Amino acid sequence: MTMNADREALLKQVTALDFAAVDLQLYLNTHPHDTDALEMYNDCTENARRARKTYEQQFGPLTGFRSEGQTDWSWENEPWPWQAEFNFSPGGHHNVGL
């Protein structure tokens, strides 16, 4: 895989896990005693944390407030997540570095 493909795959993983965590959180708001859903939520948030950490170690921070372990303040060196250059392109390729 190329760096851009690796970056896009990790970003998609983080996005999917975060989406699933929000969905499970909403479900748990109305079903707080569903232990299976709570276990899935806990697994999902842990997997999202790991995926986010892997992404940030390889490609830099996704957000300014979660930038742990950086040796320099590199946040400004990449397009920010809300900028067009950071987003997925319609063809499924990440625009950064293309």
PDB file of N, CA and C in Angstrom:
ATOM      1  N   MET A   1       0.834  -1.191   0.000  1.00  0.00           N
ATOM      2  CA  MET A   1       0.000   0.000   0.000  1.00  0.00           C
ATOM      3  C   MET A   1       0.873   1.247   0.000  1.00  0.00           C
ATOM      4  N   THR A   2       0.410   2.248  -0.688  1.00  0.00           N
ATOM      5  CA  THR A   2       1.121   3.516  -0.659  1.00  0.00           C
ATOM      6  C   THR A   2       0.785   4.265   0.625  1.00  0.00           C
ATOM      7  N   MET A   3       1.575   5.305   0.892  1.00  0.00           N
ATOM      8  CA  MET A   3       1.319   6.088   2.106  1.00  0.00           C
ATOM      9  C   MET A   3      -0.083   6.668   2.089  1.00  0.00           C
ATOM     10  N   ASN A   4      -0.529   7.179   0.944  1.00  0.00           N
ATOM     11  CA  ASN A   4      -1.869   7.754   0.878  1.00  0.00           C
ATOM     12  C   ASN A   4      -2.942   6.697   1.087  1.00  0.00           C
ATOM     13  N   ALA A   5      -2.728   5.490   0.563  1.00  0.00           N
ATOM     14  CA  ALA A   5      -3.698   4.415   0.759  1.00  0.00           C
ATOM     15  C   ALA A   5      -3.731   3.985   2.223  1.00  0.00           C
ATOM     16  N   ASP A   6      -2.544   3.891   2.844  1.00  0.00           N
ATOM     17  CA  ASP A   6      -2.487   3.555   4.267  1.00  0.00           C
ATOM     18  C   ASP A   6      -3.192   4.625   5.099  1.00  0.00           C
ATOM     19  N   ARG A   7      -2.925   5.857   4.755  1.00  0.00           N
ATOM     20  CA  ARG A   7      -3.522   6.978   5.488  1.00  0.00           C
ATOM     21  C   ARG A   7      -5.041   6.951   5.348  1.00  0.00           C
ATOM     22  N   GLU A   8      -5.518   6.738   4.149  1.00  0.00           N
ATOM     23  CA  GLU A   8      -6.959   6.705   3.924  1.00  0.00           C
ATOM     24  C   GLU A   8      -7.609   5.525   4.644  1.00  0.00           C
ATOM     25  N   ALA A   9      -6.957   4.362   4.605  1.00  0.00           N
ATOM     26  CA  ALA A   9      -7.508   3.184   5.286  1.00  0.00           C
ATOM     27  C   ALA A   9      -7.630   3.422   6.789  1.00  0.00           C
ATOM     28  N   LEU A  10      -6.591   3.991   7.389  1.00  0.00           N
ATOM     29  CA  LEU A  10      -6.650   4.283   8.828  1.00  0.00           C
ATOM     30  C   LEU A  10      -7.703   5.334   9.145  1.00  0.00           C
ATOM     31  N   LEU A  11      -7.789   6.362   8.296  1.00  0.00           N
ATOM     32  CA  LEU A  11      -8.785   7.400   8.522  1.00  0.00           C
ATOM     33  C   LEU A  11     -10.205   6.842   8.407  1.00  0.00           C
ATOM     34  N   LYS A  12     -10.422   5.960   7.447  1.00  0.00           N
ATOM     35  CA  LYS A  12     -11.735   5.317   7.319  1.00  0.00           C
ATOM     36  C   LYS A  12     -12.046   4.458   8.537  1.00  0.00           C
ATOM     37  N   GLN A  13     -11.018   3.772   9.059  1.00  0.00           N
ATOM     38  CA  GLN A  13     -11.213   2.948  10.250  1.00  0.00           C
ATOM     39  C   GLN A  13     -11.598   3.810  11.445  1.00  0.00           C
ATOM     40  N   VAL A  14     -10.897   4.906  11.654  1.00  0.00           N
ATOM     41  CA  VAL A  14     -11.213   5.815  12.758  1.00  0.00           C
ATOM     42  C   VAL A  14     -12.627   6.355  12.595  1.00  0.00           C
ATOM     43  N   THR A  15     -12.965   6.778  11.390  1.00  0.00           N
ATOM     44  CA  THR A  15     -14.291   7.337  11.127  1.00  0.00           C
ATOM     45  C   THR A  15     -15.388   6.317  11.398  1.00  0.00           C
ATOM     46  N   ALA A  16     -15.206   5.092  10.921  1.00  0.00           N
ATOM     47  CA  ALA A  16     -16.213   4.047  11.121  1.00  0.00           C
ATOM     48  C   ALA A  16     -16.368   3.699  12.602  1.00  0.00           C
ATOM     49  N   LEU A  17     -15.263   3.591  13.312  1.00  0.00           N
ATOM     50  CA  LEU A  17     -15.325   3.259  14.739  1.00  0.00           C
ATOM     51  C   LEU A  17     -15.973   4.386  15.544  1.00  0.00           C
ATOM     52  N   ASP A  18     -15.628   5.626  15.214  1.00  0.00           N
ATOM     53  CA  ASP A  18     -16.258   6.755  15.900  1.00  0.00           C
ATOM     54  C   ASP A  18     -17.762   6.798  15.630  1.00  0.00           C
ATOM     55  N   PHE A  19     -18.155   6.536  14.395  1.00  0.00           N
ATOM     56  CA  PHE A  19     -19.577   6.511  14.047  1.00  0.00           C
ATOM     57  C   PHE A  19     -20.302   5.416  14.831  1.00  0.00           C
ATOM     58  N   ALA A  20     -19.699   4.226  14.875  1.00  0.00           N
ATOM     59  CA  ALA A  20     -20.311   3.116  15.611  1.00  0.00           C
ATOM     60  C   ALA A  20     -20.422   3.439  17.097  1.00  0.00           C
ATOM     61  N   ALA A  21     -19.406   4.092  17.650  1.00  0.00           N
ATOM     62  CA  ALA A  21     -19.444   4.453  19.074  1.00  0.00           C
ATOM     63  C   ALA A  21     -20.573   5.431  19.364  1.00  0.00           C
ATOM     64  N   VAL A  22     -20.754   6.409  18.488  1.00  0.00           N
ATOM     65  CA  VAL A  22     -21.855   7.370  18.673  1.00  0.00           C
ATOM     66  C   VAL A  22     -23.189   6.647  18.568  1.00  0.00           C
ATOM     67  N   ASP A  23     -23.319   5.767  17.597  1.00  0.00           N
ATOM     68  CA  ASP A  23     -24.563   5.013  17.420  1.00  0.00           C
ATOM     69  C   ASP A  23     -24.865   4.160  18.656  1.00  0.00           C
ATOM     70  N   LEU A  24     -23.852   3.475  19.161  1.00  0.00           N
ATOM     71  CA  LEU A  24     -24.046   2.668  20.372  1.00  0.00           C
ATOM     72  C   LEU A  24     -24.354   3.539  21.584  1.00  0.00           C
ATOM     73  N   GLN A  25     -23.724   4.702  21.657  1.00  0.00           N
ATOM     74  CA  GLN A  25     -24.006   5.622  22.762  1.00  0.00           C
ATOM     75  C   GLN A  25     -25.468   6.046  22.742  1.00  0.00           C
ATOM     76  N   LEU A  26     -25.976   6.365  21.571  1.00  0.00           N
ATOM     77  CA  LEU A  26     -27.389   6.756  21.460  1.00  0.00           C
ATOM     78  C   LEU A  26     -28.303   5.609  21.871  1.00  0.00           C
ATOM     79  N   TYR A  27     -27.964   4.392  21.456  1.00  0.00           N
ATOM     80  CA  TYR A  27     -28.753   3.229  21.843  1.00  0.00           C
ATOM     81  C   TYR A  27     -28.716   3.050  23.364  1.00  0.00           C
ATOM     82  N   LEU A  28     -27.538   3.189  23.951  1.00  0.00           N
ATOM     83  CA  LEU A  28     -27.404   3.005  25.395  1.00  0.00           C
ATOM     84  C   LEU A  28     -28.136   4.080  26.194  1.00  0.00           C
ATOM     85  N   ASN A  29     -28.353   5.243  25.593  1.00  0.00           N
ATOM     86  CA  ASN A  29     -29.135   6.274  26.271  1.00  0.00           C
ATOM     87  C   ASN A  29     -30.551   5.798  26.573  1.00  0.00           C
ATOM     88  N   THR A  30     -31.072   4.930  25.722  1.00  0.00           N
ATOM     89  CA  THR A  30     -32.438   4.431  25.924  1.00  0.00           C
ATOM     90  C   THR A  30     -32.478   2.985  26.409  1.00  0.00           C
ATOM     91  N   HIS A  31     -31.334   2.314  26.405  1.00  0.00           N
ATOM     92  CA  HIS A  31     -31.245   0.925  26.865  1.00  0.00           C
ATOM     93  C   HIS A  31     -30.023   0.768  27.778  1.00  0.00           C
ATOM     94  N   PRO A  32     -29.992   1.468  28.902  1.00  0.00           N
ATOM     95  CA  PRO A  32     -28.785   1.511  29.732  1.00  0.00           C
ATOM     96  C   PRO A  32     -28.404   0.188  30.390  1.00  0.00           C
ATOM     97  N   HIS A  33     -29.294  -0.777  30.408  1.00  0.00           N
ATOM     98  CA  HIS A  33     -29.013  -2.048  31.074  1.00  0.00           C
ATOM     99  C   HIS A  33     -28.659  -3.161  30.093  1.00  0.00           C
ATOM    100  N   ASP A  34     -28.478  -2.817  28.819  1.00  0.00           N
ATOM    101  CA  ASP A  34     -28.108  -3.797  27.800  1.00  0.00           C
ATOM    102  C   ASP A  34     -26.600  -4.037  27.894  1.00  0.00           C
ATOM    103  N   THR A  35     -26.228  -5.097  28.609  1.00  0.00           N
ATOM    104  CA  THR A  35     -24.806  -5.352  28.861  1.00  0.00           C
ATOM    105  C   THR A  35     -24.046  -5.723  27.583  1.00  0.00           C
ATOM    106  N   ASP A  36     -24.714  -6.359  26.632  1.00  0.00           N
ATOM    107  CA  ASP A  36     -24.055  -6.684  25.364  1.00  0.00           C
ATOM    108  C   ASP A  36     -23.707  -5.404  24.604  1.00  0.00           C
ATOM    109  N   ALA A  37     -24.633  -4.470  24.566  1.00  0.00           N
ATOM    110  CA  ALA A  37     -24.386  -3.196  23.883  1.00  0.00           C
ATOM    111  C   ALA A  37     -23.298  -2.403  24.596  1.00  0.00           C
ATOM    112  N   LEU A  38     -23.287  -2.453  25.911  1.00  0.00           N
ATOM    113  CA  LEU A  38     -22.254  -1.748  26.668  1.00  0.00           C
ATOM    114  C   LEU A  38     -20.875  -2.344  26.386  1.00  0.00           C
ATOM    115  N   GLU A  39     -20.810  -3.656  26.292  1.00  0.00           N
ATOM    116  CA  GLU A  39     -19.545  -4.310  25.961  1.00  0.00           C
ATOM    117  C   GLU A  39     -19.096  -3.924  24.545  1.00  0.00           C
ATOM    118  N   MET A  40     -20.031  -3.910  23.601  1.00  0.00           N
ATOM    119  CA  MET A  40     -19.700  -3.486  22.238  1.00  0.00           C
ATOM    120  C   MET A  40     -19.221  -2.038  22.214  1.00  0.00           C
ATOM    121  N   TYR A  41     -19.879  -1.172  22.977  1.00  0.00           N
ATOM    122  CA  TYR A  41     -19.479   0.229  23.060  1.00  0.00           C
ATOM    123  C   TYR A  41     -18.059   0.364  23.608  1.00  0.00           C
ATOM    124  N   ASN A  42     -17.777  -0.340  24.696  1.00  0.00           N
ATOM    125  CA  ASN A  42     -16.443  -0.277  25.290  1.00  0.00           C
ATOM    126  C   ASN A  42     -15.375  -0.792  24.333  1.00  0.00           C
ATOM    127  N   ASP A  43     -15.661  -1.892  23.636  1.00  0.00           N
ATOM    128  CA  ASP A  43     -14.720  -2.421  22.643  1.00  0.00           C
ATOM    129  C   ASP A  43     -14.518  -1.426  21.505  1.00  0.00           C
ATOM    130  N   CYS A  44     -15.596  -0.843  21.058  1.00  0.00           N
ATOM    131  CA  CYS A  44     -15.555   0.099  19.944  1.00  0.00           C
ATOM    132  C   CYS A  44     -14.733   1.339  20.296  1.00  0.00           C
ATOM    133  N   THR A  45     -14.966   1.903  21.469  1.00  0.00           N
ATOM    134  CA  THR A  45     -14.222   3.098  21.854  1.00  0.00           C
ATOM    135  C   THR A  45     -12.739   2.783  22.065  1.00  0.00           C
ATOM    136  N   GLU A  46     -12.421   1.605  22.580  1.00  0.00           N
ATOM    137  CA  GLU A  46     -11.021   1.216  22.743  1.00  0.00           C
ATOM    138  C   GLU A  46     -10.363   1.020  21.377  1.00  0.00           C
ATOM    139  N   ASN A  47     -11.049   0.375  20.455  1.00  0.00           N
ATOM    140  CA  ASN A  47     -10.507   0.187  19.108  1.00  0.00           C
ATOM    141  C   ASN A  47     -10.337   1.524  18.395  1.00  0.00           C
ATOM    142  N   ALA A  48     -11.263   2.439  18.602  1.00  0.00           N
ATOM    143  CA  ALA A  48     -11.153   3.779  18.008  1.00  0.00           C
ATOM    144  C   ALA A  48      -9.946   4.515  18.586  1.00  0.00           C
ATOM    145  N   ARG A  49      -9.741   4.390  19.876  1.00  0.00           N
ATOM    146  CA  ARG A  49      -8.586   5.030  20.512  1.00  0.00           C
ATOM    147  C   ARG A  49      -7.289   4.489  19.929  1.00  0.00           C
ATOM    148  N   ARG A  50      -7.216   3.175  19.765  1.00  0.00           N
ATOM    149  CA  ARG A  50      -6.012   2.554  19.201  1.00  0.00           C
ATOM    150  C   ARG A  50      -5.792   2.979  17.744  1.00  0.00           C
ATOM    151  N   ALA A  51      -6.853   2.980  16.965  1.00  0.00           N
ATOM    152  CA  ALA A  51      -6.742   3.376  15.553  1.00  0.00           C
ATOM    153  C   ALA A  51      -6.316   4.833  15.437  1.00  0.00           C
ATOM    154  N   ARG A  52      -6.884   5.690  16.280  1.00  0.00           N
ATOM    155  CA  ARG A  52      -6.521   7.113  16.279  1.00  0.00           C
ATOM    156  C   ARG A  52      -5.042   7.282  16.659  1.00  0.00           C
ATOM    157  N   LYS A  53      -4.586   6.530  17.652  1.00  0.00           N
ATOM    158  CA  LYS A  53      -3.192   6.610  18.076  1.00  0.00           C
ATOM    159  C   LYS A  53      -2.262   6.152  16.952  1.00  0.00           C
ATOM    160  N   THR A  54      -2.606   5.059  16.297  1.00  0.00           N
ATOM    161  CA  THR A  54      -1.804   4.571  15.169  1.00  0.00           C
ATOM    162  C   THR A  54      -1.753   5.610  14.063  1.00  0.00           C
ATOM    163  N   TYR A  55      -2.915   6.187  13.732  1.00  0.00           N
ATOM    164  CA  TYR A  55      -2.957   7.215  12.690  1.00  0.00           C
ATOM    165  C   TYR A  55      -2.049   8.384  13.065  1.00  0.00           C
ATOM    166  N   GLU A  56      -2.175   8.871  14.276  1.00  0.00           N
ATOM    167  CA  GLU A  56      -1.419  10.047  14.691  1.00  0.00           C
ATOM    168  C   GLU A  56       0.079   9.770  14.777  1.00  0.00           C
ATOM    169  N   GLN A  57       0.463   8.553  15.128  1.00  0.00           N
ATOM    170  CA  GLN A  57       1.886   8.207  15.152  1.00  0.00           C
ATOM    171  C   GLN A  57       2.470   8.209  13.743  1.00  0.00           C
ATOM    172  N   GLN A  58       1.666   7.795  12.760  1.00  0.00           N
ATOM    173  CA  GLN A  58       2.163   7.692  11.399  1.00  0.00           C
ATOM    174  C   GLN A  58       1.988   8.966  10.589  1.00  0.00           C
ATOM    175  N   PHE A  59       0.898   9.699  10.823  1.00  0.00           N
ATOM    176  CA  PHE A  59       0.554  10.797   9.929  1.00  0.00           C
ATOM    177  C   PHE A  59       0.337  12.141  10.614  1.00  0.00           C
ATOM    178  N   GLY A  60       0.383  12.192  11.925  1.00  0.00           N
ATOM    179  CA  GLY A  60       0.182  13.445  12.631  1.00  0.00           C
ATOM    180  C   GLY A  60      -1.202  13.520  13.253  1.00  0.00           C
ATOM    181  N   PRO A  61      -1.420  14.549  14.046  1.00  0.00           N
ATOM    182  CA  PRO A  61      -2.662  14.659  14.830  1.00  0.00           C
ATOM    183  C   PRO A  61      -3.903  14.876  13.971  1.00  0.00           C
ATOM    184  N   LEU A  62      -4.996  14.303  14.432  1.00  0.00           N
ATOM    185  CA  LEU A  62      -6.301  14.515  13.806  1.00  0.00           C
ATOM    186  C   LEU A  62      -6.997  15.741  14.378  1.00  0.00           C
ATOM    187  N   THR A  63      -6.717  16.029  15.637  1.00  0.00           N
ATOM    188  CA  THR A  63      -7.279  17.209  16.298  1.00  0.00           C
ATOM    189  C   THR A  63      -6.203  17.835  17.163  1.00  0.00           C
ATOM    190  N   GLY A  64      -6.346  19.118  17.405  1.00  0.00           N
ATOM    191  CA  GLY A  64      -5.359  19.809  18.221  1.00  0.00           C
ATOM    192  C   GLY A  64      -5.380  19.380  19.670  1.00  0.00           C
ATOM    193  N   PHE A  65      -6.553  19.048  20.207  1.00  0.00           N
ATOM    194  CA  PHE A  65      -6.642  18.745  21.632  1.00  0.00           C
ATOM    195  C   PHE A  65      -6.326  17.296  21.962  1.00  0.00           C
ATOM    196  N   ARG A  66      -6.126  16.454  20.972  1.00  0.00           N
ATOM    197  CA  ARG A  66      -5.746  15.066  21.229  1.00  0.00           C
ATOM    198  C   ARG A  66      -4.325  14.781  20.774  1.00  0.00           C
ATOM    199  N   SER A  67      -3.511  15.782  20.640  1.00  0.00           N
ATOM    200  CA  SER A  67      -2.160  15.632  20.109  1.00  0.00           C
ATOM    201  C   SER A  67      -1.187  15.273  21.211  1.00  0.00           C
ATOM    202  N   GLU A  68      -1.211  14.025  21.635  1.00  0.00           N
ATOM    203  CA  GLU A  68      -0.323  13.606  22.712  1.00  0.00           C
ATOM    204  C   GLU A  68       0.967  13.026  22.147  1.00  0.00           C
ATOM    205  N   GLY A  69       2.050  13.205  22.877  1.00  0.00           N
ATOM    206  CA  GLY A  69       3.305  12.584  22.518  1.00  0.00           C
ATOM    207  C   GLY A  69       4.013  13.203  21.333  1.00  0.00           C
ATOM    208  N   GLN A  70       3.626  14.364  20.924  1.00  0.00           N
ATOM    209  CA  GLN A  70       4.305  15.021  19.807  1.00  0.00           C
ATOM    210  C   GLN A  70       5.599  15.657  20.305  1.00  0.00           C
ATOM    211  N   THR A  71       6.653  15.561  19.507  1.00  0.00           N
ATOM    212  CA  THR A  71       7.920  16.179  19.882  1.00  0.00           C
ATOM    213  C   THR A  71       7.986  17.624  19.422  1.00  0.00           C
ATOM    214  N   ASP A  72       7.142  17.982  18.493  1.00  0.00           N
ATOM    215  CA  ASP A  72       7.040  19.375  18.067  1.00  0.00           C
ATOM    216  C   ASP A  72       5.570  19.665  17.767  1.00  0.00           C
ATOM    217  N   TRP A  73       5.265  20.912  17.606  1.00  0.00           N
ATOM    218  CA  TRP A  73       3.881  21.295  17.333  1.00  0.00           C
ATOM    219  C   TRP A  73       3.675  21.274  15.825  1.00  0.00           C
ATOM    220  N   SER A  74       3.371  20.079  15.274  1.00  0.00           N
ATOM    221  CA  SER A  74       3.275  19.893  13.837  1.00  0.00           C
ATOM    222  C   SER A  74       1.852  20.017  13.307  1.00  0.00           C
ATOM    223  N   TRP A  75       0.944  20.402  14.147  1.00  0.00           N
ATOM    224  CA  TRP A  75      -0.460  20.489  13.780  1.00  0.00           C
ATOM    225  C   TRP A  75      -0.683  21.354  12.542  1.00  0.00           C
ATOM    226  N   GLU A  76       0.097  22.421  12.395  1.00  0.00           N
ATOM    227  CA  GLU A  76      -0.120  23.357  11.298  1.00  0.00           C
ATOM    228  C   GLU A  76       0.505  22.892   9.976  1.00  0.00           C
ATOM    229  N   ASN A  77       1.246  21.785   9.984  1.00  0.00           N
ATOM    230  CA  ASN A  77       1.948  21.321   8.785  1.00  0.00           C
ATOM    231  C   ASN A  77       1.067  20.563   7.803  1.00  0.00           C
ATOM    232  N   GLU A  78      -0.056  20.109   8.207  1.00  0.00           N
ATOM    233  CA  GLU A  78      -0.950  19.312   7.354  1.00  0.00           C
ATOM    234  C   GLU A  78      -2.275  20.047   7.190  1.00  0.00           C
ATOM    235  N   PRO A  79      -3.035  19.686   6.168  1.00  0.00           N
ATOM    236  CA  PRO A  79      -4.399  20.223   6.103  1.00  0.00           C
ATOM    237  C   PRO A  79      -5.179  19.775   7.335  1.00  0.00           C
ATOM    238  N   TRP A  80      -6.013  20.638   7.839  1.00  0.00           N
ATOM    239  CA  TRP A  80      -6.804  20.302   9.008  1.00  0.00           C
ATOM    240  C   TRP A  80      -8.019  19.498   8.588  1.00  0.00           C
ATOM    241  N   PRO A  81      -8.568  18.670   9.480  1.00  0.00           N
ATOM    242  CA  PRO A  81      -9.668  17.776   9.095  1.00  0.00           C
ATOM    243  C   PRO A  81     -10.861  18.461   8.446  1.00  0.00           C
ATOM    244  N   TRP A  82     -11.095  19.720   8.722  1.00  0.00           N
ATOM    245  CA  TRP A  82     -12.243  20.401   8.134  1.00  0.00           C
ATOM    246  C   TRP A  82     -11.898  21.080   6.808  1.00  0.00           C
ATOM    247  N   GLN A  83     -10.653  20.986   6.357  1.00  0.00           N
ATOM    248  CA  GLN A  83     -10.265  21.555   5.078  1.00  0.00           C
ATOM    249  C   GLN A  83     -10.469  20.537   3.960  1.00  0.00           C
ATOM    250  N   ALA A  84     -10.779  21.027   2.777  1.00  0.00           N
ATOM    251  CA  ALA A  84     -11.074  20.162   1.638  1.00  0.00           C
ATOM    252  C   ALA A  84      -9.931  19.200   1.331  1.00  0.00           C
ATOM    253  N   GLU A  85      -8.687  19.650   1.466  1.00  0.00           N
ATOM    254  CA  GLU A  85      -7.542  18.808   1.133  1.00  0.00           C
ATOM    255  C   GLU A  85      -7.442  17.567   2.012  1.00  0.00           C
ATOM    256  N   PHE A  86      -8.025  17.626   3.190  1.00  0.00           N
ATOM    257  CA  PHE A  86      -7.944  16.508   4.130  1.00  0.00           C
ATOM    258  C   PHE A  86      -8.980  15.437   3.826  1.00  0.00           C
ATOM    259  N   ASN A  87     -10.088  15.820   3.253  1.00  0.00           N
ATOM    260  CA  ASN A  87     -11.233  14.935   3.076  1.00  0.00           C
ATOM    261  C   ASN A  87     -11.008  13.894   1.996  1.00  0.00           C
ATOM    262  N   PHE A  88     -11.833  12.876   2.027  1.00  0.00           N
ATOM    263  CA  PHE A  88     -11.796  11.837   1.013  1.00  0.00           C
ATOM    264  C   PHE A  88     -12.284  12.410  -0.307  1.00  0.00           C
ATOM    265  N   SER A  89     -11.668  11.986  -1.375  1.00  0.00           N
ATOM    266  CA  SER A  89     -12.147  12.403  -2.688  1.00  0.00           C
ATOM    267  C   SER A  89     -13.289  11.484  -3.110  1.00  0.00           C
ATOM    268  N   PRO A  90     -14.137  11.909  -4.077  1.00  0.00           N
ATOM    269  CA  PRO A  90     -15.255  11.060  -4.511  1.00  0.00           C
ATOM    270  C   PRO A  90     -14.817   9.702  -5.030  1.00  0.00           C
ATOM    271  N   GLY A  91     -13.621   9.600  -5.587  1.00  0.00           N
ATOM    272  CA  GLY A  91     -13.141   8.339  -6.129  1.00  0.00           C
ATOM    273  C   GLY A  91     -12.562   7.404  -5.080  1.00  0.00           C
ATOM    274  N   GLY A  92     -12.631   7.809  -3.810  1.00  0.00           N
ATOM    275  CA  GLY A  92     -12.151   6.945  -2.743  1.00  0.00           C
ATOM    276  C   GLY A  92     -10.684   7.145  -2.403  1.00  0.00           C
ATOM    277  N   HIS A  93     -10.048   8.134  -3.003  1.00  0.00           N
ATOM    278  CA  HIS A  93      -8.654   8.410  -2.687  1.00  0.00           C
ATOM    279  C   HIS A  93      -8.568   9.649  -1.827  1.00  0.00           C
ATOM    280  N   HIS A  94      -7.636   9.627  -0.925  1.00  0.00           N
ATOM    281  CA  HIS A  94      -7.409  10.767  -0.047  1.00  0.00           C
ATOM    282  C   HIS A  94      -6.707  11.840  -0.851  1.00  0.00           C
ATOM    283  N   ASN A  95      -7.128  13.080  -0.705  1.00  0.00           N
ATOM    284  CA  ASN A  95      -6.568  14.175  -1.499  1.00  0.00           C
ATOM    285  C   ASN A  95      -5.194  14.618  -1.049  1.00  0.00           C
ATOM    286  N   VAL A  96      -4.801  14.364   0.192  1.00  0.00           N
ATOM    287  CA  VAL A  96      -3.521  14.846   0.701  1.00  0.00           C
ATOM    288  C   VAL A  96      -2.386  14.163  -0.053  1.00  0.00           C
ATOM    289  N   GLY A  97      -1.467  14.950  -0.535  1.00  0.00           N
ATOM    290  CA  GLY A  97      -0.301  14.432  -1.204  1.00  0.00           C
ATOM    291  C   GLY A  97      -0.502  14.029  -2.645  1.00  0.00           C
ATOM    292  N   LEU A  98      -1.681  14.184  -3.175  1.00  0.00           N
ATOM    293  CA  LEU A  98      -1.909  13.829  -4.586  1.00  0.00           C
ATOM    294  C   LEU A  98      -1.571  14.955  -5.505  1.00  0.00           C
TER     295      LEU A  98
END
